[in-house]
Protein backbone atom coordinates (compact mmCIF):
# COMPACT_ATOMS: atom_id res chain seq x y z
CA MET A 1 1.61 -18.16 1.53
CA THR A 2 3.47 -15.65 3.60
CA LEU A 3 3.15 -13.46 6.65
CA GLU A 4 3.58 -9.80 5.80
CA ILE A 5 5.16 -7.70 8.55
CA GLU A 6 5.37 -3.97 7.91
CA ARG A 7 5.20 -0.56 9.49
CA LYS A 8 3.45 2.42 7.91
CA TYR A 9 4.28 6.12 8.28
CA LEU A 10 3.07 9.44 7.01
CA VAL A 11 5.56 11.34 4.85
CA ASN A 12 6.26 14.99 5.67
CA ASP A 13 7.78 16.21 2.38
CA ASP A 14 8.78 15.00 -1.07
CA SER A 15 12.56 14.92 -0.51
CA PHE A 16 12.34 11.08 -0.75
CA LYS A 17 11.95 11.46 -4.53
CA ALA A 18 15.61 12.43 -4.89
CA ASP A 19 16.63 9.07 -3.40
CA SER A 20 14.06 6.98 -5.25
CA HIS A 21 15.54 4.26 -7.47
CA LYS A 22 12.23 3.20 -9.06
CA GLN A 23 8.72 4.52 -9.49
CA THR A 24 5.60 2.77 -10.78
CA ARG A 25 2.01 3.91 -11.35
CA ILE A 26 -0.54 1.68 -9.61
CA ILE A 27 -4.30 1.47 -10.16
CA GLN A 28 -6.18 -0.88 -7.86
CA GLY A 29 -9.65 -1.92 -6.79
CA TYR A 30 -11.15 -4.41 -4.36
CA LEU A 31 -13.30 -7.44 -5.13
CA SER A 32 -13.74 -7.75 -1.35
CA SER A 33 -12.76 -5.19 1.26
CA ALA A 34 -13.83 -7.31 4.23
CA PRO A 35 -10.96 -7.15 6.77
CA GLU A 36 -10.95 -10.94 7.19
CA ARG A 37 -10.29 -11.49 3.48
CA THR A 38 -9.38 -8.46 1.43
CA VAL A 39 -9.12 -9.33 -2.27
CA ARG A 40 -7.29 -6.72 -4.33
CA VAL A 41 -6.86 -6.39 -8.10
CA ARG A 42 -3.95 -4.22 -9.15
CA ILE A 43 -2.42 -2.93 -12.34
CA LYS A 44 1.18 -2.13 -11.52
CA GLY A 45 2.89 -0.65 -14.54
CA ASP A 46 2.21 -3.21 -17.27
CA LYS A 47 1.42 -6.15 -14.95
CA GLY A 48 -1.76 -7.49 -13.38
CA ILE A 49 -1.67 -8.72 -9.77
CA LEU A 50 -4.25 -10.44 -7.60
CA THR A 51 -3.69 -10.25 -3.83
CA ILE A 52 -5.55 -11.77 -0.90
CA LYS A 53 -4.84 -10.49 2.61
CA GLY A 54 -6.12 -11.77 5.94
CA ILE A 55 -7.03 -9.82 9.03
CA GLY A 56 -4.13 -8.03 10.73
CA SER A 57 -2.53 -8.77 14.07
CA GLU A 58 -3.54 -6.74 17.12
CA SER A 59 -0.76 -4.21 16.38
CA GLY A 60 -1.71 -4.07 12.70
CA ALA A 61 1.91 -4.77 11.73
CA SER A 62 1.47 -8.31 10.37
CA ARG A 63 -1.06 -10.33 8.41
CA PHE A 64 -1.37 -13.20 5.96
CA GLU A 65 -0.73 -12.27 2.30
CA TRP A 66 -1.00 -14.27 -0.92
CA GLU A 67 -0.12 -12.68 -4.25
CA LYS A 68 -0.10 -13.90 -7.83
CA GLU A 69 0.68 -12.19 -11.13
CA ILE A 70 -2.20 -12.42 -13.60
CA ALA A 71 -2.60 -11.35 -17.21
CA LEU A 72 -2.97 -7.58 -17.64
CA GLU A 73 -6.20 -8.16 -19.60
CA ASP A 74 -7.62 -10.20 -16.70
CA ALA A 75 -6.75 -7.46 -14.21
CA GLN A 76 -8.41 -4.83 -16.42
CA ALA A 77 -11.56 -6.98 -16.65
CA LEU A 78 -11.64 -7.64 -12.89
CA LEU A 79 -11.29 -3.92 -12.10
CA LYS A 80 -14.63 -3.39 -13.86
CA ILE A 81 -16.44 -5.57 -11.27
CA CYS A 82 -14.68 -4.25 -8.16
CA GLU A 83 -16.41 -2.46 -5.30
CA PRO A 84 -16.94 1.28 -5.88
CA GLY A 85 -13.85 3.43 -5.53
CA VAL A 86 -10.39 3.18 -7.00
CA ILE A 87 -6.91 3.76 -5.66
CA ASP A 88 -4.59 5.66 -7.99
CA LYS A 89 -1.02 6.26 -6.85
CA THR A 90 2.64 6.29 -7.75
CA ARG A 91 4.88 4.01 -5.72
CA TYR A 92 8.49 5.09 -5.19
CA LEU A 93 11.12 2.64 -3.94
CA VAL A 94 13.65 4.28 -1.64
CA SER A 95 16.58 2.46 0.00
CA HIS A 96 17.67 3.69 3.44
CA GLN A 97 20.09 1.99 5.84
CA GLY A 98 19.36 -1.57 4.78
CA HIS A 99 15.61 -1.17 4.24
CA THR A 100 13.54 -0.44 1.16
CA PHE A 101 10.69 1.95 1.80
CA GLU A 102 7.67 1.84 -0.51
CA VAL A 103 6.40 5.42 -0.66
CA ASP A 104 2.92 5.89 -2.12
CA GLU A 105 1.86 9.30 -3.43
CA PHE A 106 -1.92 9.25 -3.94
CA TYR A 107 -4.04 10.99 -6.57
CA GLY A 108 -7.73 11.61 -7.16
CA GLU A 109 -9.84 11.58 -4.01
CA ASN A 110 -6.74 10.75 -1.94
CA GLN A 111 -4.68 13.65 -3.33
CA GLY A 112 -2.41 15.15 -0.68
CA LEU A 113 -1.74 11.86 1.10
CA THR A 114 1.71 10.28 0.97
CA VAL A 115 2.52 7.23 3.09
CA ALA A 116 5.58 4.99 3.38
CA GLU A 117 5.69 1.31 4.29
CA VAL A 118 8.69 -0.78 5.21
CA GLU A 119 8.66 -4.57 5.38
CA LEU A 120 10.35 -6.17 8.37
CA GLU A 121 11.60 -9.57 9.51
CA SER A 122 9.74 -9.29 12.84
CA GLU A 123 7.38 -6.87 14.58
CA GLN A 124 10.20 -5.98 16.99
CA GLN A 125 12.76 -5.10 14.30
CA GLN A 126 14.01 -1.53 14.60
CA VAL A 127 13.63 0.91 11.70
CA HIS A 128 16.16 3.67 11.05
CA LYS A 129 13.82 6.39 9.89
CA PRO A 130 14.79 8.84 7.16
CA THR A 131 14.12 12.52 7.86
CA TRP A 132 11.13 12.61 5.50
CA LEU A 133 9.16 10.13 7.64
CA ALA A 134 6.61 11.59 10.04
CA GLN A 135 4.07 10.00 12.39
CA GLU A 136 3.72 6.21 12.44
CA VAL A 137 0.22 5.07 11.43
CA THR A 138 0.70 1.29 11.56
CA GLY A 139 -2.62 -0.29 12.47
CA ASP A 140 -4.64 2.88 11.83
CA VAL A 141 -7.31 1.48 9.50
CA ARG A 142 -8.00 4.90 7.94
CA TYR A 143 -4.72 4.51 6.03
CA TYR A 144 -5.45 1.03 4.63
CA ASN A 145 -5.96 1.27 0.88
CA SER A 146 -9.18 -0.72 1.24
CA MET A 147 -10.49 2.02 3.56
CA LEU A 148 -9.16 4.91 1.48
CA MET A 149 -11.27 3.49 -1.34
CA LYS A 150 -14.41 3.87 0.83
CA THR A 151 -13.53 6.99 2.79
CA PRO A 152 -11.00 8.99 0.74
CA TYR A 153 -8.45 11.22 2.41
CA THR A 154 -9.98 14.41 0.96
CA SER A 155 -13.24 13.68 2.82
CA TRP A 156 -11.67 13.55 6.31
């Protein structure tokens, strides 16, 4: 069990792709999207992953997270019983001044949205932002994947 501490930002252009050292397609659904206990099923490349997250802190920057790799076949089966809506995205890993940013470019009903997250040691840790980062949206629930599944970006 761990405490996840991260900040989330909008991305203003695709120049991050030139600095990306890895990219992976991700398909995910939610068995439960309740904020107190979000249960996510994910296919990340050729792996299945089950994740449980607790409710976030007041700032939205930290919350409990438990994650376990599961068989790809199990993840595929669980996706069939998830709540309506699916998240389809490519995740790019981009290193910048000692941090690794996870940049998600969304498809389908969330086409046009690109967000970046960076994991931190504490909520007070400073982030040296690359030029392609825009407005911080940490704690804005509209940008949580579990909410994008229910209210996609293209419907805003």
